[in-house]
Protein backbone atom coordinates (compact mmCIF):
# COMPACT_ATOMS: atom_id res chain seq x y z
CA MET A 1 0.05 -0.04 -0.02
CA THR A 2 1.49 3.23 -0.82
CA VAL A 3 0.46 6.78 -1.01
CA LYS A 4 -0.46 8.59 -4.55
CA SER A 5 1.31 11.18 -5.86
CA SER A 6 -0.24 14.28 -5.65
CA GLU A 7 -0.98 14.31 -9.14
CA GLU A 8 -2.80 10.84 -8.68
CA ILE A 9 -4.14 12.52 -6.03
CA LYS A 10 -5.73 15.23 -7.95
CA ASN A 11 -6.92 13.47 -10.72
CA ILE A 12 -8.75 10.71 -8.41
CA ALA A 13 -11.02 14.32 -7.17
CA ILE A 14 -11.10 15.44 -11.01
CA GLN A 15 -13.07 11.68 -12.13
CA VAL A 16 -15.33 11.94 -9.39
CA ILE A 17 -16.35 15.23 -10.43
CA LYS A 18 -16.14 14.66 -13.51
CA ASP A 19 -19.31 11.21 -12.95
CA GLU A 20 -20.94 12.98 -10.19
CA LYS A 21 -21.27 16.26 -12.79
CA LYS A 22 -22.17 13.28 -15.54
CA ALA A 23 -24.85 11.57 -12.98
CA VAL A 24 -26.71 15.26 -12.58
CA GLU A 25 -26.18 16.07 -16.01
CA ASN A 26 -28.62 12.58 -16.87
CA LEU A 27 -31.19 13.30 -14.66
CA GLU A 28 -32.49 16.05 -16.95
CA ASN A 29 -33.68 13.39 -19.48
CA HIS A 30 -35.78 11.83 -16.29
CA ILE A 31 -38.10 14.83 -15.95
CA GLY A 32 -41.08 14.62 -16.92
CA ASP A 33 -44.99 14.00 -16.15
CA SER A 34 -44.61 12.45 -13.31
CA PHE A 35 -42.37 15.14 -12.05
CA SER A 36 -45.42 17.89 -12.59
CA LYS A 37 -47.70 15.38 -11.42
CA ALA A 38 -45.22 15.15 -7.77
CA VAL A 39 -44.59 18.57 -7.11
CA GLU A 40 -49.08 19.12 -7.98
CA ILE A 41 -49.70 16.61 -5.33
CA VAL A 42 -47.30 17.39 -2.73
CA PHE A 43 -47.88 20.97 -3.54
CA LEU A 44 -51.92 20.64 -3.22
CA ALA A 45 -51.73 18.34 0.01
CA THR A 46 -49.31 21.04 1.76
CA GLY A 47 -52.06 23.70 1.99
CA GLY A 48 -50.52 25.31 -1.61
CA ASP A 49 -49.67 28.85 -0.26
CA PRO A 50 -48.68 28.74 2.50
CA ARG A 51 -49.61 32.15 3.82
CA GLY A 52 -53.32 31.35 3.10
CA GLY A 53 -54.89 28.04 4.40
CA ASN A 54 -55.51 26.10 7.86
CA HIS A 55 -52.09 24.70 8.30
CA ALA A 56 -53.47 22.73 10.85
CA GLN A 57 -55.41 20.81 8.67
CA SER A 58 -52.92 20.14 6.20
CA GLY A 59 -50.87 17.55 5.01
CA ARG A 60 -47.13 17.11 5.69
CA VAL A 61 -44.51 15.52 3.67
CA VAL A 62 -42.65 12.26 5.28
CA VAL A 63 -40.04 11.39 3.33
CA THR A 64 -38.52 8.14 4.17
CA GLY A 65 -35.02 5.59 3.44
CA ILE A 66 -32.35 3.62 4.44
CA GLY A 67 -28.52 3.93 4.96
CA LYS A 68 -27.04 6.86 2.65
CA SER A 69 -30.48 7.21 1.30
CA ALA A 70 -31.63 8.00 4.89
CA ASN A 71 -29.03 11.20 5.12
CA ILE A 72 -30.35 12.41 1.91
CA ALA A 73 -34.22 12.26 3.33
CA GLN A 74 -32.86 14.20 6.40
CA LYS A 75 -31.21 16.90 3.16
CA ILE A 76 -34.31 16.87 1.65
CA VAL A 77 -36.39 17.12 4.59
CA SER A 78 -34.55 20.27 6.44
CA THR A 79 -35.06 21.67 2.57
CA LEU A 80 -38.63 21.56 2.41
CA ASN A 81 -38.82 23.06 5.99
CA SER A 82 -37.05 26.03 5.19
CA THR A 83 -38.86 26.87 2.09
CA GLY A 84 -42.07 26.59 3.29
CA THR A 85 -43.18 22.70 2.62
CA PRO A 86 -44.17 20.88 5.77
CA ALA A 87 -42.00 17.94 6.31
CA LEU A 88 -40.34 15.26 8.28
CA PHE A 89 -38.32 12.67 8.51
CA LEU A 90 -38.96 8.79 9.18
CA HIS A 91 -36.54 6.26 8.90
CA ALA A 92 -36.67 3.45 7.38
CA ALA A 93 -35.99 0.89 10.02
CA ASP A 94 -38.13 2.87 12.94
CA ALA A 95 -41.02 3.15 10.77
CA ILE A 96 -41.37 -0.85 11.29
CA HIS A 97 -40.28 -0.79 14.98
CA GLY A 98 -43.74 1.94 15.65
CA ASP A 99 -42.32 5.01 14.50
CA LEU A 100 -45.06 4.94 11.39
CA GLY A 101 -47.72 6.13 13.86
CA MET A 102 -46.17 9.55 12.36
CA VAL A 103 -47.99 9.34 9.08
CA ARG A 104 -51.34 10.80 9.47
CA PRO A 105 -53.80 10.86 6.23
CA GLY A 106 -53.55 13.21 4.09
CA ASP A 107 -49.46 12.86 4.05
CA VAL A 108 -48.02 12.15 0.93
CA VAL A 109 -44.89 10.04 1.32
CA ILE A 110 -41.42 10.39 -0.24
CA CYS A 111 -39.56 6.83 -0.06
CA ILE A 112 -36.00 7.41 -1.58
CA SER A 113 -34.22 4.42 -2.26
CA LYS A 114 -31.10 2.95 -4.59
CA SER A 115 -32.18 -0.20 -5.52
CA GLY A 116 -35.70 -0.19 -4.93
CA ASN A 117 -34.99 -3.51 -3.07
CA THR A 118 -33.76 -3.53 0.66
CA PRO A 119 -36.02 -5.94 3.14
CA GLU A 120 -36.77 -2.54 5.00
CA ILE A 121 -38.30 -1.38 1.90
CA LYS A 122 -40.32 -4.39 0.70
CA VAL A 123 -41.53 -4.29 4.50
CA LEU A 124 -42.44 -0.73 4.66
CA VAL A 125 -43.53 0.59 1.13
CA PRO A 126 -47.20 -2.29 1.37
CA LEU A 127 -47.77 -0.86 5.13
CA ILE A 128 -47.53 2.67 3.79
CA LYS A 129 -50.23 2.00 0.44
CA ASN A 130 -52.66 0.23 3.16
CA PHE A 131 -52.53 3.85 5.26
CA GLY A 132 -54.11 5.38 1.53
CA ASN A 133 -51.16 7.00 1.28
CA THR A 134 -49.64 8.75 -1.64
CA LEU A 135 -46.51 7.22 -2.59
CA ILE A 136 -43.81 8.89 -4.26
CA ALA A 137 -40.32 7.21 -4.85
CA ILE A 138 -37.38 8.16 -5.93
CA VAL A 139 -35.60 5.82 -6.87
CA GLY A 140 -32.28 4.50 -9.14
CA ASN A 141 -34.27 1.08 -10.14
CA THR A 142 -37.25 1.67 -12.19
CA ASP A 143 -37.68 -2.35 -12.06
CA SER A 144 -37.33 -2.34 -8.77
CA PHE A 145 -40.31 -3.87 -5.71
CA LEU A 146 -40.37 -0.30 -5.26
CA ALA A 147 -40.71 1.49 -8.75
CA HIS A 148 -43.60 -0.45 -8.77
CA GLU A 149 -45.50 -0.09 -5.61
CA ALA A 150 -45.33 3.68 -6.02
CA ASP A 151 -47.86 5.74 -7.24
CA LEU A 152 -45.05 7.80 -8.66
CA VAL A 153 -41.83 7.57 -9.49
CA LEU A 154 -38.89 9.62 -9.57
CA ASP A 155 -36.13 7.64 -11.99
CA THR A 156 -32.75 8.69 -10.49
CA THR A 157 -30.84 6.61 -11.92
CA VAL A 158 -27.18 6.24 -13.01
CA GLU A 159 -25.27 4.29 -14.84
CA HIS A 160 -22.33 4.23 -12.05
CA GLU A 161 -21.01 4.74 -9.25
CA ALA A 162 -17.87 7.41 -8.18
CA CYS A 163 -15.87 4.61 -6.25
CA PRO A 164 -13.87 2.62 -8.29
CA ASN A 165 -15.65 -0.39 -7.05
CA ASN A 166 -19.04 0.94 -8.16
CA LEU A 167 -20.43 0.56 -4.53
CA ALA A 168 -20.05 3.49 -2.63
CA PRO A 169 -23.94 5.36 -2.88
CA THR A 170 -21.62 8.79 -4.18
CA SER A 171 -23.62 9.66 -7.66
CA SER A 172 -26.70 7.66 -6.54
CA THR A 173 -27.08 10.05 -3.97
CA THR A 174 -25.67 13.16 -5.26
CA ALA A 175 -28.56 12.04 -8.26
CA GLN A 176 -30.85 11.84 -4.92
CA LEU A 177 -29.76 14.98 -4.00
CA VAL A 178 -30.63 17.03 -6.56
CA MET A 179 -33.62 15.50 -7.86
CA GLY A 180 -35.06 16.84 -4.18
CA ASP A 181 -33.42 20.20 -4.45
CA ALA A 182 -35.34 19.54 -7.87
CA LEU A 183 -39.13 19.15 -6.19
CA ALA A 184 -38.39 21.91 -3.35
CA VAL A 185 -37.22 24.44 -6.06
CA ALA A 186 -40.55 23.54 -7.71
CA LEU A 187 -42.80 24.28 -4.80
CA ILE A 188 -40.92 27.39 -4.11
CA GLU A 189 -41.91 28.72 -7.26
CA CYS A 190 -45.84 27.01 -7.12
CA ARG A 191 -46.23 28.64 -3.59
CA ASN A 192 -44.90 32.04 -4.75
CA PHE A 193 -42.77 32.08 -2.24
CA THR A 194 -40.56 35.29 -1.10
CA ALA A 195 -37.41 36.40 0.37
CA ARG A 196 -39.61 37.22 2.98
CA ASP A 197 -41.30 34.18 3.17
CA PHE A 198 -37.92 32.45 3.54
CA ALA A 199 -37.06 34.67 6.90
CA ARG A 200 -39.84 34.45 8.83
CA PHE A 201 -38.48 30.83 8.77
CA HIS A 202 -35.13 31.80 8.73
CA PRO A 203 -35.23 34.69 12.08
CA GLY A 204 -31.87 32.95 13.27
CA GLY A 205 -28.69 33.31 12.53
CA ALA A 206 -27.09 35.23 9.74
CA LEU A 207 -28.92 34.52 6.94
CA GLY A 208 -32.26 35.55 8.60
CA LYS A 209 -30.54 38.02 9.56
CA GLN A 210 -30.25 39.38 6.66
CA LEU A 211 -33.21 38.93 5.70
CA TYR A 212 -35.33 40.68 8.46
CA LEU A 213 -33.02 43.35 10.42
CA ARG A 214 -33.68 46.45 9.53
CA VAL A 215 -31.35 49.82 10.53
CA ALA A 216 -33.86 50.94 12.51
CA ASP A 217 -33.65 47.82 15.24
CA LEU A 218 -29.74 48.85 15.37
CA TYR A 219 -29.10 52.16 15.40
CA ILE A 220 -31.03 53.62 18.83
CA GLN A 221 -28.84 51.92 20.31
CA ASN A 222 -25.76 54.02 19.94
CA GLU A 223 -24.70 57.24 21.35
CA ARG A 224 -26.40 60.73 19.00
CA PRO A 225 -23.39 63.11 18.30
CA GLU A 226 -24.86 66.64 16.68
CA VAL A 227 -23.28 69.90 16.97
CA SER A 228 -24.56 72.58 14.94
CA PRO A 229 -21.96 74.58 12.03
CA ALA A 230 -21.27 77.46 15.10
CA THR A 231 -19.65 74.47 17.40
CA SER A 232 -15.69 75.27 18.51
CA ILE A 233 -13.25 72.66 17.46
CA SER A 234 -13.07 71.64 21.03
CA ASP A 235 -16.47 71.33 21.86
CA THR A 236 -16.42 69.57 18.35
CA ILE A 237 -13.73 66.73 19.87
CA ILE A 238 -15.63 66.51 23.06
CA GLU A 239 -18.83 65.81 21.00
CA MET A 240 -17.30 63.10 19.16
CA THR A 241 -15.06 61.26 21.90
CA SER A 242 -17.73 60.86 24.25
CA LYS A 243 -20.59 60.11 22.14
CA ARG A 244 -17.52 57.38 20.51
CA LEU A 245 -18.70 56.63 17.33
CA GLY A 246 -15.70 58.19 15.31
CA CYS A 247 -17.96 61.33 13.80
CA ALA A 248 -20.55 64.06 14.80
CA VAL A 249 -23.36 64.92 12.44
CA VAL A 250 -23.40 68.94 11.50
CA THR A 251 -26.78 70.37 12.11
CA ASP A 252 -29.31 72.86 12.43
CA ASN A 253 -30.62 71.45 15.90
CA GLN A 254 -33.99 71.90 15.30
CA ALA A 255 -36.44 69.96 17.30
CA ILE A 256 -40.33 70.60 18.15
CA LYS A 257 -42.34 69.85 21.35
CA GLN A 258 -44.69 66.97 21.99
CA SER A 259 -48.07 66.94 24.26
CA ASN A 260 -45.90 65.71 26.99
CA ASN A 261 -42.93 68.26 26.66
CA GLN A 262 -40.38 65.50 24.99
CA ALA A 263 -37.73 66.85 22.48
CA ILE A 264 -38.58 65.09 18.98
CA PRO A 265 -35.48 65.84 16.75
CA GLN A 266 -36.03 67.77 13.29
CA SER A 267 -32.69 68.61 12.55
CA HIS A 268 -31.66 68.64 8.66
CA ILE A 269 -28.31 67.34 8.12
CA LEU A 270 -25.94 69.67 6.58
CA GLY A 271 -22.24 67.74 6.85
CA ILE A 272 -20.41 65.22 9.21
CA ILE A 273 -17.19 65.54 11.04
CA THR A 274 -15.16 62.11 10.78
CA ASP A 275 -11.82 61.58 12.84
CA GLY A 276 -10.36 61.97 9.60
CA ASP A 277 -10.98 64.78 9.17
CA LEU A 278 -9.30 66.13 12.57
CA ARG A 279 -6.48 64.02 11.69
CA ARG A 280 -5.96 66.05 8.45
CA MET A 281 -7.30 69.73 9.92
CA MET A 282 -3.91 68.69 12.66
CA GLN A 283 -1.89 68.51 9.50
CA THR A 284 -2.67 72.00 8.68
CA SER A 285 -0.95 75.15 9.63
CA HIS A 286 -4.18 77.11 9.66
CA MET A 287 -6.40 75.89 12.78
CA PRO A 288 -9.95 76.22 11.72
CA LYS A 289 -12.47 77.38 14.38
CA TYR A 290 -15.90 76.17 14.04
CA ALA A 291 -17.30 72.80 12.71
CA SER A 292 -18.85 74.25 9.61
CA ASP A 293 -14.51 74.59 8.73
CA ILE A 294 -14.02 71.70 8.45
CA MET A 295 -17.58 69.43 8.03
CA HIS A 296 -18.00 67.59 4.82
CA PRO A 297 -20.94 68.13 3.00
CA ASN A 298 -23.73 65.71 1.47
CA PRO A 299 -22.16 62.70 3.63
CA ARG A 300 -23.70 58.96 2.83
CA THR A 301 -27.53 59.09 4.56
CA ILE A 302 -29.58 55.32 4.91
CA LEU A 303 -33.09 55.60 6.22
CA ASP A 304 -33.73 53.94 8.92
CA THR A 305 -36.35 51.82 7.38
CA GLU A 306 -33.47 50.42 4.99
CA TYR A 307 -32.60 46.71 5.52
CA ALA A 308 -29.62 46.55 7.76
CA VAL A 309 -27.43 44.11 4.51
CA ASN A 310 -28.23 47.36 2.82
CA ALA A 311 -26.10 49.50 4.83
CA LEU A 312 -23.35 47.34 5.29
CA GLN A 313 -23.01 46.99 1.02
CA MET A 314 -23.11 50.67 1.61
CA MET A 315 -20.49 50.88 3.98
CA ARG A 316 -18.47 48.70 1.71
CA GLN A 317 -19.17 49.82 -1.58
CA ASN A 318 -17.61 54.14 -0.30
CA SER A 319 -15.29 52.42 2.37
CA ILE A 320 -16.82 54.19 5.53
CA THR A 321 -17.21 52.80 8.56
CA GLN A 322 -20.81 54.54 9.43
CA LEU A 323 -23.22 56.07 7.89
CA ILE A 324 -26.23 58.82 8.78
CA VAL A 325 -29.34 57.81 9.22
CA THR A 326 -32.24 58.95 8.57
CA ASP A 327 -36.36 59.21 8.20
CA ALA A 328 -38.52 60.40 4.88
CA ASP A 329 -37.96 63.57 5.60
CA HIS A 330 -34.29 63.74 6.00
CA HIS A 331 -34.39 64.25 9.65
CA TYR A 332 -30.95 62.94 11.73
CA LEU A 333 -31.90 60.29 13.68
CA GLY A 334 -28.83 58.90 14.64
CA ILE A 335 -25.51 56.84 13.47
CA ILE A 336 -25.08 53.20 12.00
CA HIS A 337 -21.56 52.31 12.27
CA ILE A 338 -19.67 48.94 11.27
CA HIS A 339 -19.42 47.20 14.48
CA ASP A 340 -23.32 46.77 14.99
CA ILE A 341 -23.59 44.95 11.64
CA LEU A 342 -20.40 42.54 12.92
CA ARG A 343 -22.08 42.19 16.61
CA GLU A 344 -25.09 41.43 14.80
CA GLY A 345 -22.84 38.73 13.22
CA ILE A 346 -24.17 38.92 9.71
CA ILE A 347 -20.79 39.26 7.30
């Protein structure tokens, strides 16, 4: 037994990729009326548009398999659930030892198998049929027990596995996964499933936050550095230092009073002073006196209703670390800093 050379190892990897790529490309020849019918059945059984029906009375998709196909089934279930199609994973071996009780009337069962002839599948399939549930097979052998018993067959036949012994499930599991993704994406299109819908199912983590977290959720946690055009440079530096955001916004310092005697800022933005402006000021021979002397007019702003991820994109495009937050009337509300976005884990 010897270790392969670096070149041989790279060639092995390339060949695996080519074999699995071919397996996926061949799936195009297996997409026909059975696939369309499967999407229609799942769509109707699971309540159609997720925003319209009573989910408590809707069916689910129960995806089952054994061995490596069970692992693929779990991933497909995860994809379906995250995109608006309620789904459950049922291990084929556990199903025939009590877990079959999770299958309810109205559920659609998808059974995944390469051979379609494993002992567990042969025991499970007749039980599902007796329950009266629709059975969809994702199977790599269209002349198998599973294929003959299923109501619909999604063919994932592959010429050979990427494994040199043609034994380890490689190309076949890739084909199963892609077929499951095709089913899920078709259902997304049928449901008109939007990014906003997606965010409802992904409230946690960076992905969810990109889809729902807004500038207004972040800037309110910060101080509100503000000076007038006539504020002295020394007082401007104090304001910037005390508010710890690396800037001060120059405004006309207007405000209105509400009935409860609270001041509501209505300041219009005239410019911004950043730490960089102060450093450049120190390099000049003439020391300016007022904030208006060193402010940068027409600073970058963002509406408080914008998504935080859009603020991040604007900062990156302009190589800056903070944005002025405004309302629809361009009144100064506060500052959003790149550290706010980093803290939320959006990057």
